[in-house]
Amino acid sequence: MASAIPKKDVVRPDKGFSDLVWENFHEFYDQEKHIDVTFLWRSYPERITAHRVILAAASVYFDELFQTKQGSAPAIYIENIAPDEFELLIAYCYTGRLNPKMNNVSRLLNGATILKLDGAAALCTAYLKGSTERSRPLRIPAFQLPSNHPTSSNTNTNKSILAVRQSIGKQDTESCIYRCDEMEKIWIQCGVLKFPTQRAVL
């Protein structure tokens, strides 16, 4: 069956058709048509439905999950991501759009990392970086801090560091380092680690 698909460099794709198909996918998602997976929470009443093939195409995490016994069930329980952020990240899988806000960026970044959505994580990183570049520290309420933030004065120093990787393709280019001011509950960029560009050996 795969042999019937024309090679990309031989046949010019019909962009109008592709756009129409994606519009239909968005409509199916909004109207919960043809859905085949439901996500639930033990601590929240919300339920979110989606299409396995879309999520698997967008995320290695979902691709691997749906091949397991747990992932093949019609309903899957989510443990580490709250419903609001999870729904935004699922919508990102359909649209490629995400609009982080000050009150949810840390949870979105945490969720995008768990779901292996590199593009969504990059958008959160850009938001964080933009906030620090404007010389206005990003103030995040205590309950918004990522799961690895310091919780007491005896917490190890490395628990107060958030490293956000940036990459081009599969090549890491830099990692923005943020430190957490426990008392003020602020993430402040304190450094950037540059990675050397790898050159092919001839």
N, C-alpha and C. Protein backbone atom coordinates (compact mmCIF):
# COMPACT_ATOMS: atom_id res chain seq x y z
N MET A 1 0.83 -1.20 0.00
CA MET A 1 0.00 0.00 0.00
C MET A 1 0.87 1.25 0.00
N ALA A 2 1.97 1.23 0.76
CA ALA A 2 2.83 2.40 0.84
C ALA A 2 3.46 2.73 -0.50
N SER A 3 3.60 1.73 -1.37
CA SER A 3 4.22 1.96 -2.67
C SER A 3 3.36 2.84 -3.56
N ALA A 4 2.08 3.01 -3.23
CA ALA A 4 1.19 3.84 -4.03
C ALA A 4 1.37 5.33 -3.76
N ILE A 5 2.09 5.67 -2.69
CA ILE A 5 2.32 7.07 -2.35
C ILE A 5 3.46 7.62 -3.19
N PRO A 6 3.22 8.66 -3.99
CA PRO A 6 4.27 9.22 -4.85
C PRO A 6 5.41 9.79 -4.02
N LYS A 7 6.62 9.75 -4.57
CA LYS A 7 7.77 10.33 -3.91
C LYS A 7 7.65 11.85 -3.90
N LYS A 8 8.13 12.47 -2.82
CA LYS A 8 8.00 13.91 -2.65
C LYS A 8 8.70 14.70 -3.76
N ASP A 9 9.83 14.19 -4.22
CA ASP A 9 10.60 14.94 -5.21
C ASP A 9 10.15 14.67 -6.63
N VAL A 10 9.11 13.86 -6.80
CA VAL A 10 8.62 13.52 -8.14
C VAL A 10 7.30 14.22 -8.44
N VAL A 11 6.40 14.18 -7.48
CA VAL A 11 5.06 14.74 -7.67
C VAL A 11 4.87 15.94 -6.75
N ARG A 12 4.45 17.04 -7.33
CA ARG A 12 4.22 18.24 -6.53
C ARG A 12 2.95 18.08 -5.70
N PRO A 13 3.03 18.34 -4.38
CA PRO A 13 1.85 18.14 -3.53
C PRO A 13 0.77 19.18 -3.79
N ASP A 14 -0.46 18.78 -3.56
CA ASP A 14 -1.61 19.68 -3.68
C ASP A 14 -1.83 20.35 -2.34
N LYS A 15 -1.28 21.56 -2.17
CA LYS A 15 -1.36 22.24 -0.88
C LYS A 15 -2.80 22.54 -0.49
N GLY A 16 -3.62 22.88 -1.49
CA GLY A 16 -5.02 23.16 -1.19
C GLY A 16 -5.71 21.96 -0.58
N PHE A 17 -5.38 20.78 -1.10
CA PHE A 17 -5.97 19.55 -0.55
C PHE A 17 -5.49 19.31 0.87
N SER A 18 -4.20 19.50 1.10
CA SER A 18 -3.65 19.30 2.44
C SER A 18 -4.29 20.25 3.44
N ASP A 19 -4.47 21.51 3.04
CA ASP A 19 -5.10 22.49 3.93
C ASP A 19 -6.54 22.08 4.26
N LEU A 20 -7.25 21.59 3.25
CA LEU A 20 -8.64 21.17 3.46
C LEU A 20 -8.71 19.99 4.42
N VAL A 21 -7.80 19.04 4.25
CA VAL A 21 -7.78 17.88 5.14
C VAL A 21 -7.54 18.30 6.59
N TRP A 22 -6.59 19.22 6.78
CA TRP A 22 -6.30 19.67 8.14
C TRP A 22 -7.47 20.46 8.72
N GLU A 23 -8.16 21.22 7.90
CA GLU A 23 -9.36 21.92 8.38
C GLU A 23 -10.40 20.92 8.85
N ASN A 24 -10.53 19.81 8.12
CA ASN A 24 -11.47 18.77 8.52
C ASN A 24 -11.04 18.12 9.83
N PHE A 25 -9.74 17.90 9.98
CA PHE A 25 -9.24 17.35 11.24
C PHE A 25 -9.60 18.26 12.41
N HIS A 26 -9.42 19.57 12.22
CA HIS A 26 -9.76 20.53 13.27
C HIS A 26 -11.25 20.44 13.60
N GLU A 27 -12.06 20.35 12.57
CA GLU A 27 -13.51 20.27 12.77
C GLU A 27 -13.88 18.98 13.50
N PHE A 28 -13.26 17.88 13.10
CA PHE A 28 -13.54 16.60 13.77
C PHE A 28 -13.17 16.67 15.25
N TYR A 29 -12.06 17.34 15.54
CA TYR A 29 -11.62 17.47 16.93
C TYR A 29 -12.60 18.34 17.72
N ASP A 30 -12.98 19.48 17.16
CA ASP A 30 -13.90 20.39 17.85
C ASP A 30 -15.26 19.74 18.10
N GLN A 31 -15.73 18.96 17.12
CA GLN A 31 -17.05 18.35 17.21
C GLN A 31 -17.02 16.93 17.77
N GLU A 32 -15.84 16.46 18.13
CA GLU A 32 -15.65 15.10 18.66
C GLU A 32 -16.20 14.05 17.71
N LYS A 33 -15.87 14.21 16.44
CA LYS A 33 -16.29 13.24 15.43
C LYS A 33 -15.15 12.27 15.14
N HIS A 34 -15.50 10.99 15.01
CA HIS A 34 -14.55 9.93 14.66
C HIS A 34 -13.42 9.80 15.67
N ILE A 35 -13.65 10.22 16.89
CA ILE A 35 -12.59 10.13 17.91
C ILE A 35 -12.41 8.66 18.31
N ASP A 36 -11.19 8.33 18.74
CA ASP A 36 -10.93 6.94 19.13
C ASP A 36 -10.10 6.82 20.41
N VAL A 37 -9.93 7.93 21.13
CA VAL A 37 -9.26 7.85 22.42
C VAL A 37 -9.79 8.96 23.33
N THR A 38 -9.95 8.63 24.60
CA THR A 38 -10.43 9.59 25.59
C THR A 38 -9.43 9.64 26.74
N PHE A 39 -9.10 10.84 27.16
CA PHE A 39 -8.17 11.04 28.27
C PHE A 39 -8.96 11.49 29.50
N LEU A 40 -8.65 10.85 30.63
CA LEU A 40 -9.36 11.12 31.88
C LEU A 40 -8.36 11.42 32.99
N TRP A 41 -8.88 11.97 34.10
CA TRP A 41 -8.08 12.26 35.28
C TRP A 41 -8.80 11.71 36.50
N ARG A 42 -8.04 11.17 37.43
CA ARG A 42 -8.65 10.64 38.65
C ARG A 42 -9.04 11.76 39.61
N SER A 43 -8.39 12.90 39.49
CA SER A 43 -8.65 14.01 40.42
C SER A 43 -9.46 15.14 39.79
N TYR A 44 -9.81 15.01 38.52
CA TYR A 44 -10.58 16.06 37.83
C TYR A 44 -11.72 15.41 37.05
N PRO A 45 -12.85 16.11 36.89
CA PRO A 45 -13.97 15.54 36.15
C PRO A 45 -13.84 15.67 34.63
N GLU A 46 -12.87 16.43 34.15
CA GLU A 46 -12.75 16.69 32.72
C GLU A 46 -12.44 15.42 31.92
N ARG A 47 -12.85 15.44 30.67
CA ARG A 47 -12.49 14.39 29.72
C ARG A 47 -12.14 15.07 28.40
N ILE A 48 -11.10 14.59 27.75
CA ILE A 48 -10.65 15.16 26.48
C ILE A 48 -10.53 14.04 25.46
N THR A 49 -11.13 14.24 24.31
CA THR A 49 -11.11 13.22 23.27
C THR A 49 -10.22 13.66 22.11
N ALA A 50 -9.73 12.69 21.36
CA ALA A 50 -8.83 13.02 20.25
C ALA A 50 -8.74 11.84 19.29
N HIS A 51 -7.88 11.98 18.30
CA HIS A 51 -7.65 10.94 17.29
C HIS A 51 -6.22 10.42 17.44
N ARG A 52 -6.09 9.13 17.63
CA ARG A 52 -4.78 8.54 17.88
C ARG A 52 -3.78 8.85 16.77
N VAL A 53 -4.21 8.75 15.54
CA VAL A 53 -3.27 8.91 14.42
C VAL A 53 -2.69 10.32 14.39
N ILE A 54 -3.49 11.33 14.75
CA ILE A 54 -2.99 12.71 14.78
C ILE A 54 -1.96 12.89 15.89
N LEU A 55 -2.30 12.38 17.07
CA LEU A 55 -1.38 12.53 18.20
C LEU A 55 -0.09 11.75 17.98
N ALA A 56 -0.21 10.56 17.40
CA ALA A 56 0.98 9.75 17.15
C ALA A 56 1.90 10.40 16.13
N ALA A 57 1.30 11.08 15.15
CA ALA A 57 2.10 11.78 14.14
C ALA A 57 2.79 13.01 14.72
N ALA A 58 2.18 13.61 15.73
CA ALA A 58 2.72 14.84 16.31
C ALA A 58 3.72 14.59 17.42
N SER A 59 3.64 13.43 18.06
CA SER A 59 4.44 13.21 19.27
C SER A 59 4.96 11.78 19.35
N VAL A 60 6.26 11.64 19.55
CA VAL A 60 6.86 10.32 19.76
C VAL A 60 6.28 9.68 21.02
N TYR A 61 5.98 10.50 22.01
CA TYR A 61 5.40 9.99 23.25
C TYR A 61 4.10 9.24 22.97
N PHE A 62 3.20 9.87 22.23
CA PHE A 62 1.92 9.23 21.93
C PHE A 62 2.12 8.03 21.00
N ASP A 63 3.01 8.15 20.05
CA ASP A 63 3.28 7.04 19.13
C ASP A 63 3.69 5.79 19.91
N GLU A 64 4.57 5.98 20.88
CA GLU A 64 5.02 4.84 21.69
C GLU A 64 3.94 4.38 22.66
N LEU A 65 3.20 5.33 23.24
CA LEU A 65 2.15 4.99 24.20
C LEU A 65 1.08 4.13 23.56
N PHE A 66 0.64 4.49 22.36
CA PHE A 66 -0.45 3.78 21.71
C PHE A 66 -0.08 2.37 21.26
N GLN A 67 1.19 2.04 21.34
CA GLN A 67 1.63 0.69 20.99
C GLN A 67 1.75 -0.21 22.22
N THR A 68 1.42 0.34 23.38
CA THR A 68 1.46 -0.45 24.61
C THR A 68 0.06 -0.92 24.98
N LYS A 69 0.00 -1.85 25.93
CA LYS A 69 -1.29 -2.36 26.39
C LYS A 69 -2.11 -1.24 27.03
N GLN A 70 -1.46 -0.43 27.84
CA GLN A 70 -2.14 0.70 28.48
C GLN A 70 -2.67 1.68 27.45
N GLY A 71 -1.86 1.97 26.44
CA GLY A 71 -2.24 2.95 25.43
C GLY A 71 -3.27 2.46 24.45
N SER A 72 -3.50 1.16 24.39
CA SER A 72 -4.49 0.63 23.46
C SER A 72 -5.90 0.66 24.04
N ALA A 73 -6.02 0.99 25.31
CA ALA A 73 -7.33 1.08 25.94
C ALA A 73 -8.09 2.28 25.40
N PRO A 74 -9.43 2.21 25.33
CA PRO A 74 -10.21 3.35 24.81
C PRO A 74 -10.13 4.59 25.69
N ALA A 75 -9.85 4.40 26.98
CA ALA A 75 -9.71 5.54 27.90
C ALA A 75 -8.35 5.44 28.60
N ILE A 76 -7.64 6.56 28.65
CA ILE A 76 -6.30 6.60 29.23
C ILE A 76 -6.28 7.67 30.32
N TYR A 77 -5.78 7.31 31.48
CA TYR A 77 -5.69 8.26 32.59
C TYR A 77 -4.36 9.02 32.54
N ILE A 78 -4.45 10.33 32.72
CA ILE A 78 -3.28 11.21 32.71
C ILE A 78 -2.94 11.56 34.16
N GLU A 79 -1.66 11.47 34.50
CA GLU A 79 -1.24 11.67 35.89
C GLU A 79 -0.50 12.99 36.12
N ASN A 80 0.36 13.40 35.21
CA ASN A 80 1.32 14.47 35.50
C ASN A 80 1.02 15.81 34.84
N ILE A 81 -0.08 15.91 34.11
CA ILE A 81 -0.43 17.16 33.42
C ILE A 81 -1.89 17.48 33.71
N ALA A 82 -2.16 18.69 34.17
CA ALA A 82 -3.52 19.10 34.48
C ALA A 82 -4.35 19.24 33.20
N PRO A 83 -5.67 19.10 33.29
CA PRO A 83 -6.53 19.13 32.11
C PRO A 83 -6.39 20.38 31.24
N ASP A 84 -6.32 21.56 31.85
CA ASP A 84 -6.26 22.79 31.06
C ASP A 84 -5.03 22.81 30.15
N GLU A 85 -3.87 22.50 30.71
CA GLU A 85 -2.64 22.52 29.91
C GLU A 85 -2.62 21.36 28.93
N PHE A 86 -3.14 20.21 29.34
CA PHE A 86 -3.17 19.06 28.45
C PHE A 86 -4.02 19.35 27.22
N GLU A 87 -5.16 20.00 27.42
CA GLU A 87 -6.03 20.33 26.29
C GLU A 87 -5.35 21.29 25.32
N LEU A 88 -4.62 22.27 25.85
CA LEU A 88 -3.89 23.20 24.98
C LEU A 88 -2.82 22.49 24.17
N LEU A 89 -2.16 21.51 24.78
CA LEU A 89 -1.12 20.78 24.09
C LEU A 89 -1.70 19.81 23.06
N ILE A 90 -2.86 19.24 23.36
CA ILE A 90 -3.54 18.40 22.36
C ILE A 90 -3.97 19.24 21.17
N ALA A 91 -4.51 20.43 21.44
CA ALA A 91 -4.89 21.33 20.35
C ALA A 91 -3.67 21.71 19.52
N TYR A 92 -2.51 21.86 20.17
CA TYR A 92 -1.27 22.16 19.44
C TYR A 92 -0.95 21.04 18.45
N CYS A 93 -1.23 19.81 18.82
CA CYS A 93 -0.98 18.68 17.92
C CYS A 93 -1.79 18.80 16.63
N TYR A 94 -2.93 19.45 16.69
CA TYR A 94 -3.78 19.63 15.51
C TYR A 94 -3.45 20.90 14.74
N THR A 95 -3.04 21.93 15.44
CA THR A 95 -2.91 23.25 14.80
C THR A 95 -1.48 23.76 14.69
N GLY A 96 -0.58 23.24 15.53
CA GLY A 96 0.78 23.77 15.55
C GLY A 96 0.86 25.14 16.21
N ARG A 97 -0.20 25.55 16.91
CA ARG A 97 -0.23 26.87 17.55
C ARG A 97 -0.38 26.72 19.06
N LEU A 98 0.38 27.54 19.77
CA LEU A 98 0.31 27.56 21.23
C LEU A 98 0.62 28.97 21.70
N ASN A 99 -0.17 29.46 22.63
CA ASN A 99 0.00 30.83 23.11
C ASN A 99 0.22 30.83 24.63
N PRO A 100 1.46 30.63 25.06
CA PRO A 100 1.72 30.59 26.50
C PRO A 100 1.39 31.92 27.17
N LYS A 101 0.96 31.84 28.41
CA LYS A 101 0.69 33.03 29.22
C LYS A 101 1.52 32.95 30.49
N MET A 102 1.62 34.09 31.17
CA MET A 102 2.42 34.13 32.38
C MET A 102 1.92 33.15 33.43
N ASN A 103 0.58 32.93 33.45
CA ASN A 103 0.02 32.08 34.50
C ASN A 103 0.02 30.59 34.16
N ASN A 104 0.52 30.21 32.95
CA ASN A 104 0.53 28.78 32.63
C ASN A 104 1.79 28.31 31.91
N VAL A 105 2.74 29.21 31.65
CA VAL A 105 3.88 28.85 30.81
C VAL A 105 4.72 27.74 31.43
N SER A 106 4.90 27.76 32.75
CA SER A 106 5.73 26.72 33.36
C SER A 106 5.07 25.35 33.27
N ARG A 107 3.75 25.31 33.47
CA ARG A 107 3.04 24.03 33.36
C ARG A 107 2.99 23.55 31.92
N LEU A 108 2.85 24.49 30.98
CA LEU A 108 2.87 24.09 29.57
C LEU A 108 4.23 23.53 29.18
N LEU A 109 5.29 24.18 29.65
CA LEU A 109 6.64 23.70 29.35
C LEU A 109 6.86 22.32 29.94
N ASN A 110 6.41 22.12 31.16
CA ASN A 110 6.53 20.81 31.80
C ASN A 110 5.76 19.76 31.02
N GLY A 111 4.52 20.10 30.60
CA GLY A 111 3.70 19.16 29.85
C GLY A 111 4.27 18.86 28.48
N ALA A 112 4.76 19.89 27.79
CA ALA A 112 5.36 19.69 26.47
C ALA A 112 6.59 18.80 26.55
N THR A 113 7.34 18.94 27.63
CA THR A 113 8.51 18.09 27.82
C THR A 113 8.10 16.64 28.04
N ILE A 114 7.09 16.42 28.86
CA ILE A 114 6.61 15.06 29.11
C ILE A 114 6.09 14.42 27.83
N LEU A 115 5.33 15.18 27.04
CA LEU A 115 4.72 14.66 25.81
C LEU A 115 5.67 14.68 24.62
N LYS A 116 6.88 15.16 24.84
CA LYS A 116 7.91 15.21 23.79
C LYS A 116 7.45 16.04 22.59
N LEU A 117 6.82 17.16 22.88
CA LEU A 117 6.40 18.11 21.86
C LEU A 117 7.44 19.22 21.80
N ASP A 118 8.49 19.00 21.02
CA ASP A 118 9.62 19.93 21.00
C ASP A 118 9.21 21.32 20.53
N GLY A 119 8.30 21.38 19.55
CA GLY A 119 7.86 22.68 19.05
C GLY A 119 7.13 23.48 20.10
N ALA A 120 6.26 22.81 20.86
CA ALA A 120 5.53 23.49 21.93
C ALA A 120 6.49 23.94 23.03
N ALA A 121 7.46 23.11 23.35
CA ALA A 121 8.46 23.48 24.36
C ALA A 121 9.26 24.69 23.89
N ALA A 122 9.56 24.75 22.59
CA ALA A 122 10.31 25.88 22.05
C ALA A 122 9.51 27.17 22.16
N LEU A 123 8.20 27.10 21.96
CA LEU A 123 7.36 28.29 22.10
C LEU A 123 7.35 28.78 23.55
N CYS A 124 7.31 27.85 24.49
CA CYS A 124 7.37 28.23 25.90
C CYS A 124 8.73 28.83 26.23
N THR A 125 9.78 28.25 25.67
CA THR A 125 11.13 28.77 25.88
C THR A 125 11.24 30.20 25.36
N ALA A 126 10.68 30.43 24.16
CA ALA A 126 10.73 31.77 23.57
C ALA A 126 9.99 32.77 24.45
N TYR A 127 8.88 32.33 25.03
CA TYR A 127 8.13 33.22 25.92
C TYR A 127 8.97 33.56 27.15
N LEU A 128 9.57 32.54 27.75
CA LEU A 128 10.42 32.77 28.92
C LEU A 128 11.59 33.67 28.59
N LYS A 129 12.23 33.39 27.47
CA LYS A 129 13.40 34.17 27.06
C LYS A 129 13.00 35.61 26.76
N GLY A 130 11.87 35.79 26.10
CA GLY A 130 11.40 37.14 25.79
C GLY A 130 11.10 37.93 27.05
N SER A 131 10.57 37.26 28.06
CA SER A 131 10.26 37.94 29.32
C SER A 131 11.51 38.43 30.00
N THR A 132 12.57 37.62 29.98
CA THR A 132 13.81 38.03 30.63
C THR A 132 14.54 39.08 29.82
N GLU A 133 14.45 39.00 28.48
CA GLU A 133 15.14 39.98 27.64
C GLU A 133 14.52 41.37 27.77
N ARG A 134 13.27 41.43 28.20
CA ARG A 134 12.62 42.72 28.42
C ARG A 134 12.97 43.28 29.80
N SER A 135 13.93 42.62 30.45
CA SER A 135 14.39 43.05 31.79
C SER A 135 13.25 43.09 32.79
N ARG A 136 12.29 42.24 32.55
CA ARG A 136 11.17 42.13 33.50
C ARG A 136 11.09 40.67 33.93
N PRO A 137 11.60 40.34 35.12
CA PRO A 137 11.62 38.95 35.54
C PRO A 137 10.24 38.31 35.45
N LEU A 138 10.21 37.06 35.06
CA LEU A 138 8.96 36.34 34.94
C LEU A 138 8.50 35.90 36.33
N ARG A 139 7.44 36.51 36.82
CA ARG A 139 6.94 36.16 38.14
C ARG A 139 5.89 35.07 38.00
N ILE A 140 6.13 33.96 38.68
CA ILE A 140 5.23 32.83 38.60
C ILE A 140 4.76 32.50 40.01
N PRO A 141 3.44 32.42 40.24
CA PRO A 141 2.96 32.06 41.58
C PRO A 141 3.52 30.71 42.01
N ALA A 142 3.53 30.47 43.31
CA ALA A 142 4.13 29.24 43.84
C ALA A 142 3.54 28.00 43.20
N PHE A 143 2.22 27.97 43.01
CA PHE A 143 1.60 26.77 42.47
C PHE A 143 1.89 26.57 40.99
N GLN A 144 2.48 27.59 40.33
CA GLN A 144 2.78 27.48 38.92
C GLN A 144 4.19 26.95 38.67
N LEU A 145 5.02 26.88 39.71
CA LEU A 145 6.40 26.48 39.51
C LEU A 145 6.47 25.03 39.07
N PRO A 146 7.44 24.68 38.22
CA PRO A 146 7.59 23.29 37.79
C PRO A 146 7.80 22.37 38.98
N SER A 147 7.61 21.06 38.73
CA SER A 147 7.65 20.09 39.82
C SER A 147 9.00 20.00 40.50
N ASN A 148 10.07 20.49 39.83
CA ASN A 148 11.40 20.38 40.43
C ASN A 148 11.86 21.68 41.09
N HIS A 149 10.93 22.59 41.41
CA HIS A 149 11.33 23.85 42.02
C HIS A 149 11.65 23.63 43.49
N PRO A 150 12.44 24.51 44.12
CA PRO A 150 12.78 24.34 45.53
C PRO A 150 11.56 24.46 46.42
N THR A 151 11.43 23.58 47.39
CA THR A 151 10.27 23.61 48.27
C THR A 151 10.65 23.94 49.70
N SER A 152 11.94 23.98 50.02
CA SER A 152 12.38 24.36 51.36
C SER A 152 13.78 24.92 51.29
N SER A 153 14.21 25.57 52.37
CA SER A 153 15.52 26.19 52.36
C SER A 153 16.64 25.15 52.33
N ASN A 154 16.31 23.88 52.63
CA ASN A 154 17.32 22.84 52.63
C ASN A 154 17.43 22.13 51.29
N THR A 155 16.66 22.57 50.31
CA THR A 155 16.69 21.93 49.00
C THR A 155 18.03 22.16 48.33
N ASN A 156 18.52 21.14 47.65
CA ASN A 156 19.79 21.26 46.95
C ASN A 156 19.73 22.36 45.90
N THR A 157 20.88 22.95 45.61
CA THR A 157 20.94 24.07 44.67
C THR A 157 20.46 23.66 43.29
N ASN A 158 20.80 22.43 42.87
CA ASN A 158 20.43 22.04 41.51
C ASN A 158 18.93 21.90 41.33
N LYS A 159 18.18 21.86 42.44
CA LYS A 159 16.73 21.79 42.34
C LYS A 159 16.13 23.14 41.94
N SER A 160 16.92 24.21 42.02
CA SER A 160 16.40 25.54 41.73
C SER A 160 16.83 26.02 40.35
N ILE A 161 17.29 25.09 39.53
CA ILE A 161 17.76 25.44 38.19
C ILE A 161 16.85 24.82 37.15
N LEU A 162 16.46 25.61 36.18
CA LEU A 162 15.66 25.13 35.06
C LEU A 162 16.47 25.33 33.79
N ALA A 163 16.80 24.24 33.12
CA ALA A 163 17.56 24.33 31.86
C ALA A 163 16.61 24.07 30.71
N VAL A 164 16.52 25.00 29.78
CA VAL A 164 15.62 24.90 28.63
C VAL A 164 16.45 24.75 27.37
N ARG A 165 16.38 23.58 26.77
CA ARG A 165 17.19 23.30 25.60
C ARG A 165 16.58 23.91 24.36
N GLN A 166 17.43 24.45 23.50
CA GLN A 166 17.00 24.94 22.19
C GLN A 166 17.78 24.18 21.13
N SER A 167 17.14 23.89 20.02
CA SER A 167 17.83 23.14 18.99
C SER A 167 17.34 23.54 17.62
N ILE A 168 18.16 23.25 16.61
CA ILE A 168 17.79 23.43 15.22
C ILE A 168 17.83 22.05 14.60
N GLY A 169 16.64 21.56 14.20
CA GLY A 169 16.59 20.18 13.74
C GLY A 169 16.91 19.27 14.90
N LYS A 170 17.90 18.39 14.72
CA LYS A 170 18.32 17.48 15.78
C LYS A 170 19.58 17.98 16.48
N GLN A 171 20.07 19.15 16.08
CA GLN A 171 21.32 19.69 16.63
C GLN A 171 21.04 20.67 17.75
N ASP A 172 21.48 20.35 18.96
CA ASP A 172 21.35 21.28 20.07
C ASP A 172 22.22 22.50 19.82
N THR A 173 21.68 23.69 20.01
CA THR A 173 22.44 24.91 19.80
C THR A 173 22.77 25.62 21.10
N GLU A 174 21.84 25.60 22.06
CA GLU A 174 22.11 26.25 23.33
C GLU A 174 21.12 25.78 24.37
N SER A 175 21.43 26.04 25.61
CA SER A 175 20.54 25.73 26.71
C SER A 175 20.45 26.96 27.60
N CYS A 176 19.25 27.54 27.70
CA CYS A 176 19.05 28.71 28.55
C CYS A 176 18.87 28.24 30.00
N ILE A 177 19.63 28.81 30.88
CA ILE A 177 19.59 28.41 32.28
C ILE A 177 18.83 29.46 33.09
N TYR A 178 17.81 29.02 33.81
CA TYR A 178 17.03 29.90 34.67
C TYR A 178 17.20 29.45 36.12
N ARG A 179 17.35 30.40 37.02
CA ARG A 179 17.41 30.06 38.44
C ARG A 179 16.12 30.54 39.11
N CYS A 180 15.73 29.82 40.12
CA CYS A 180 14.49 30.15 40.82
C CYS A 180 14.81 30.87 42.12
N ASP A 181 14.28 32.07 42.27
CA ASP A 181 14.37 32.79 43.54
C ASP A 181 13.21 32.28 44.40
N GLU A 182 13.53 31.42 45.35
CA GLU A 182 12.48 30.75 46.13
C GLU A 182 11.59 31.73 46.87
N MET A 183 12.18 32.78 47.43
CA MET A 183 11.40 33.73 48.23
C MET A 183 10.48 34.56 47.35
N GLU A 184 11.01 35.02 46.21
CA GLU A 184 10.23 35.88 45.32
C GLU A 184 9.40 35.09 44.32
N LYS A 185 9.70 33.79 44.19
CA LYS A 185 9.03 32.93 43.22
C LYS A 185 9.17 33.48 41.81
N ILE A 186 10.41 33.74 41.42
CA ILE A 186 10.71 34.28 40.10
C ILE A 186 11.72 33.39 39.40
N TRP A 187 11.48 33.13 38.12
CA TRP A 187 12.49 32.48 37.28
C TRP A 187 13.28 33.58 36.58
N ILE A 188 14.61 33.58 36.76
CA ILE A 188 15.46 34.60 36.16
C ILE A 188 16.54 33.92 35.33
N GLN A 189 16.69 34.37 34.07
CA GLN A 189 17.73 33.78 33.23
C GLN A 189 19.09 34.21 33.78
N CYS A 190 19.96 33.23 34.00
CA CYS A 190 21.26 33.55 34.58
C CYS A 190 22.41 33.07 33.71
N GLY A 191 22.12 32.53 32.55
CA GLY A 191 23.22 32.11 31.68
C GLY A 191 22.72 31.35 30.47
N VAL A 192 23.58 31.24 29.49
CA VAL A 192 23.28 30.49 28.27
C VAL A 192 24.48 29.62 27.95
N LEU A 193 24.24 28.32 27.81
CA LEU A 193 25.30 27.40 27.43
C LEU A 193 25.24 27.18 25.93
N LYS A 194 26.32 27.45 25.23
CA LYS A 194 26.38 27.27 23.79
C LYS A 194 26.99 25.90 23.48
N PHE A 195 26.40 25.21 22.51
CA PHE A 195 26.94 23.94 22.09
C PHE A 195 27.69 24.13 20.78
N PRO A 196 28.88 23.54 20.63
CA PRO A 196 29.62 23.66 19.37
C PRO A 196 28.90 22.96 18.25
N THR A 197 28.97 23.54 17.06
CA THR A 197 28.34 22.94 15.89
C THR A 197 29.14 21.74 15.44
N GLN A 198 28.46 20.62 15.25
CA GLN A 198 29.14 19.42 14.79
C GLN A 198 29.31 19.47 13.28
N ARG A 199 30.53 19.21 12.83
CA ARG A 199 30.82 19.22 11.40
C ARG A 199 31.03 17.80 10.91
N ALA A 200 30.53 17.55 9.74
CA ALA A 200 30.68 16.21 9.17
C ALA A 200 32.14 15.94 8.86
N VAL A 201 32.57 14.70 9.11
CA VAL A 201 33.94 14.29 8.81
C VAL A 201 33.97 13.69 7.42
N LEU A 202 34.76 14.27 6.55
CA LEU A 202 34.83 13.79 5.17
C LEU A 202 35.81 12.65 5.06
